[in-house]
Amino acid sequence: MGEVGALVLLNLSMIGRWKRWKGCFVAWMGRRLMWVRRIG
């Protein structure tokens, strides 16, 4: 029970971190595309 709970918690924290990272990455790509369009 303890091991399963720890694994579930680890998975949830990894998923949360991945979502946050993906959100930052998408925002960065969007800003970069806007910047390139403004110059081009």
PDB file of N, CA and C in Angstrom:
ATOM      1  N   MET A   1       0.843  -1.203   0.000  1.00  0.00           N
ATOM      2  CA  MET A   1       0.000   0.000   0.000  1.00  0.00           C
ATOM      3  C   MET A   1       0.879   1.253   0.000  1.00  0.00           C
ATOM      4  N   GLY A   2       1.875   1.274   0.882  1.00  0.00           N
ATOM      5  CA  GLY A   2       2.742   2.452   0.947  1.00  0.00           C
ATOM      6  C   GLY A   2       3.496   2.666  -0.353  1.00  0.00           C
ATOM      7  N   GLU A   3       3.988   1.564  -0.930  1.00  0.00           N
ATOM      8  CA  GLU A   3       4.759   1.703  -2.170  1.00  0.00           C
ATOM      9  C   GLU A   3       3.876   2.180  -3.314  1.00  0.00           C
ATOM     10  N   VAL A   4       2.677   1.619  -3.404  1.00  0.00           N
ATOM     11  CA  VAL A   4       1.757   2.028  -4.478  1.00  0.00           C
ATOM     12  C   VAL A   4       1.396   3.503  -4.323  1.00  0.00           C
ATOM     13  N   GLY A   5       1.126   3.924  -3.083  1.00  0.00           N
ATOM     14  CA  GLY A   5       0.779   5.330  -2.854  1.00  0.00           C
ATOM     15  C   GLY A   5       1.922   6.246  -3.268  1.00  0.00           C
ATOM     16  N   ALA A   6       3.157   5.825  -2.953  1.00  0.00           N
ATOM     17  CA  ALA A   6       4.316   6.647  -3.310  1.00  0.00           C
ATOM     18  C   ALA A   6       4.447   6.725  -4.828  1.00  0.00           C
ATOM     19  N   LEU A   7       4.219   5.607  -5.507  1.00  0.00           N
ATOM     20  CA  LEU A   7       4.324   5.612  -6.978  1.00  0.00           C
ATOM     21  C   LEU A   7       3.272   6.527  -7.589  1.00  0.00           C
ATOM     22  N   VAL A   8       2.055   6.477  -7.056  1.00  0.00           N
ATOM     23  CA  VAL A   8       0.981   7.327  -7.588  1.00  0.00           C
ATOM     24  C   VAL A   8       1.323   8.796  -7.370  1.00  0.00           C
ATOM     25  N   LEU A   9       1.831   9.118  -6.180  1.00  0.00           N
ATOM     26  CA  LEU A   9       2.195  10.509  -5.894  1.00  0.00           C
ATOM     27  C   LEU A   9       3.302  10.961  -6.837  1.00  0.00           C
ATOM     28  N   LEU A  10       4.279  10.090  -7.077  1.00  0.00           N
ATOM     29  CA  LEU A  10       5.393  10.437  -7.961  1.00  0.00           C
ATOM     30  C   LEU A  10       4.865  10.705  -9.370  1.00  0.00           C
ATOM     31  N   ASN A  11       3.968   9.830  -9.841  1.00  0.00           N
ATOM     32  CA  ASN A  11       3.405  10.011 -11.183  1.00  0.00           C
ATOM     33  C   ASN A  11       2.639  11.329 -11.273  1.00  0.00           C
ATOM     34  N   LEU A  12       1.851  11.642 -10.253  1.00  0.00           N
ATOM     35  CA  LEU A  12       1.063  12.885 -10.281  1.00  0.00           C
ATOM     36  C   LEU A  12       1.978  14.101 -10.309  1.00  0.00           C
ATOM     37  N   SER A  13       3.052  14.077  -9.521  1.00  0.00           N
ATOM     38  CA  SER A  13       3.954  15.227  -9.504  1.00  0.00           C
ATOM     39  C   SER A  13       4.666  15.347 -10.846  1.00  0.00           C
ATOM     40  N   MET A  14       5.019  14.211 -11.460  1.00  0.00           N
ATOM     41  CA  MET A  14       5.696  14.257 -12.760  1.00  0.00           C
ATOM     42  C   MET A  14       4.752  14.824 -13.818  1.00  0.00           C
ATOM     43  N   ILE A  15       3.479  14.404 -13.780  1.00  0.00           N
ATOM     44  CA  ILE A  15       2.495  14.895 -14.754  1.00  0.00           C
ATOM     45  C   ILE A  15       2.296  16.402 -14.573  1.00  0.00           C
ATOM     46  N   GLY A  16       2.213  16.854 -13.315  1.00  0.00           N
ATOM     47  CA  GLY A  16       2.037  18.283 -13.064  1.00  0.00           C
ATOM     48  C   GLY A  16       3.221  19.077 -13.586  1.00  0.00           C
ATOM     49  N   ARG A  17       4.431  18.545 -13.366  1.00  0.00           N
ATOM     50  CA  ARG A  17       5.625  19.250 -13.819  1.00  0.00           C
ATOM     51  C   ARG A  17       5.644  19.291 -15.342  1.00  0.00           C
ATOM     52  N   TRP A  18       5.260  18.181 -15.975  1.00  0.00           N
ATOM     53  CA  TRP A  18       5.264  18.117 -17.442  1.00  0.00           C
ATOM     54  C   TRP A  18       4.275  19.113 -18.016  1.00  0.00           C
ATOM     55  N   LYS A  19       3.084  19.209 -17.403  1.00  0.00           N
ATOM     56  CA  LYS A  19       2.077  20.158 -17.913  1.00  0.00           C
ATOM     57  C   LYS A  19       2.590  21.588 -17.791  1.00  0.00           C
ATOM     58  N   ARG A  20       3.239  21.896 -16.646  1.00  0.00           N
ATOM     59  CA  ARG A  20       3.742  23.258 -16.452  1.00  0.00           C
ATOM     60  C   ARG A  20       4.829  23.544 -17.485  1.00  0.00           C
ATOM     61  N   TRP A  21       5.737  22.560 -17.697  1.00  0.00           N
ATOM     62  CA  TRP A  21       6.835  22.751 -18.642  1.00  0.00           C
ATOM     63  C   TRP A  21       6.299  22.931 -20.052  1.00  0.00           C
ATOM     64  N   LYS A  22       5.290  22.105 -20.397  1.00  0.00           N
ATOM     65  CA  LYS A  22       4.705  22.184 -21.734  1.00  0.00           C
ATOM     66  C   LYS A  22       4.041  23.544 -21.937  1.00  0.00           C
ATOM     67  N   GLY A  23       3.367  24.057 -20.886  1.00  0.00           N
ATOM     68  CA  GLY A  23       2.721  25.359 -21.003  1.00  0.00           C
ATOM     69  C   GLY A  23       3.750  26.455 -21.250  1.00  0.00           C
ATOM     70  N   CYS A  24       4.869  26.393 -20.534  1.00  0.00           N
ATOM     71  CA  CYS A  24       5.933  27.390 -20.716  1.00  0.00           C
ATOM     72  C   CYS A  24       6.501  27.277 -22.121  1.00  0.00           C
ATOM     73  N   PHE A  25       6.703  26.031 -22.583  1.00  0.00           N
ATOM     74  CA  PHE A  25       7.288  25.816 -23.911  1.00  0.00           C
ATOM     75  C   PHE A  25       6.367  26.356 -25.003  1.00  0.00           C
ATOM     76  N   VAL A  26       5.063  26.082 -24.870  1.00  0.00           N
ATOM     77  CA  VAL A  26       4.097  26.554 -25.874  1.00  0.00           C
ATOM     78  C   VAL A  26       4.058  28.080 -25.887  1.00  0.00           C
ATOM     79  N   ALA A  27       4.090  28.696 -24.695  1.00  0.00           N
ATOM     80  CA  ALA A  27       4.061  30.160 -24.618  1.00  0.00           C
ATOM     81  C   ALA A  27       5.319  30.734 -25.262  1.00  0.00           C
ATOM     82  N   TRP A  28       6.472  30.080 -25.020  1.00  0.00           N
ATOM     83  CA  TRP A  28       7.736  30.561 -25.581  1.00  0.00           C
ATOM     84  C   TRP A  28       7.711  30.460 -27.102  1.00  0.00           C
ATOM     85  N   MET A  29       7.202  29.319 -27.620  1.00  0.00           N
ATOM     86  CA  MET A  29       7.134  29.143 -29.077  1.00  0.00           C
ATOM     87  C   MET A  29       6.196  30.184 -29.693  1.00  0.00           C
ATOM     88  N   GLY A  30       5.060  30.431 -29.028  1.00  0.00           N
ATOM     89  CA  GLY A  30       4.113  31.412 -29.558  1.00  0.00           C
ATOM     90  C   GLY A  30       4.729  32.801 -29.615  1.00  0.00           C
ATOM     91  N   ARG A  31       5.451  33.189 -28.549  1.00  0.00           N
ATOM     92  CA  ARG A  31       6.107  34.504 -28.534  1.00  0.00           C
ATOM     93  C   ARG A  31       7.147  34.572 -29.644  1.00  0.00           C
ATOM     94  N   ARG A  32       7.886  33.477 -29.829  1.00  0.00           N
ATOM     95  CA  ARG A  32       8.936  33.484 -30.851  1.00  0.00           C
ATOM     96  C   ARG A  32       8.321  33.630 -32.245  1.00  0.00           C
ATOM     97  N   LEU A  33       7.213  32.934 -32.482  1.00  0.00           N
ATOM     98  CA  LEU A  33       6.567  33.032 -33.803  1.00  0.00           C
ATOM     99  C   LEU A  33       6.068  34.455 -34.037  1.00  0.00           C
ATOM    100  N   MET A  34       5.474  35.078 -33.011  1.00  0.00           N
ATOM    101  CA  MET A  34       4.979  36.454 -33.155  1.00  0.00           C
ATOM    102  C   MET A  34       6.143  37.383 -33.479  1.00  0.00           C
ATOM    103  N   TRP A  35       7.284  37.177 -32.790  1.00  0.00           N
ATOM    104  CA  TRP A  35       8.455  38.036 -32.980  1.00  0.00           C
ATOM    105  C   TRP A  35       8.980  37.894 -34.403  1.00  0.00           C
ATOM    106  N   VAL A  36       9.056  36.647 -34.879  1.00  0.00           N
ATOM    107  CA  VAL A  36       9.563  36.411 -36.241  1.00  0.00           C
ATOM    108  C   VAL A  36       8.618  37.037 -37.264  1.00  0.00           C
ATOM    109  N   ARG A  37       7.320  36.921 -37.038  1.00  0.00           N
ATOM    110  CA  ARG A  37       6.348  37.487 -37.985  1.00  0.00           C
ATOM    111  C   ARG A  37       6.466  39.008 -38.017  1.00  0.00           C
ATOM    112  N   ARG A  38       6.697  39.618 -36.847  1.00  0.00           N
ATOM    113  CA  ARG A  38       6.764  41.079 -36.806  1.00  0.00           C
ATOM    114  C   ARG A  38       7.966  41.560 -37.619  1.00  0.00           C
ATOM    115  N   ILE A  39       9.088  40.863 -37.503  1.00  0.00           N
ATOM    116  CA  ILE A  39      10.301  41.285 -38.226  1.00  0.00           C
ATOM    117  C   ILE A  39      10.158  40.968 -39.715  1.00  0.00           C
ATOM    118  N   GLY A  40       9.676  39.744 -40.033  1.00  0.00           N
ATOM    119  CA  GLY A  40       9.552  39.333 -41.440  1.00  0.00           C
ATOM    120  C   GLY A  40       8.368  40.029 -42.070  1.00  0.00           C
TER     121      GLY A  40
END
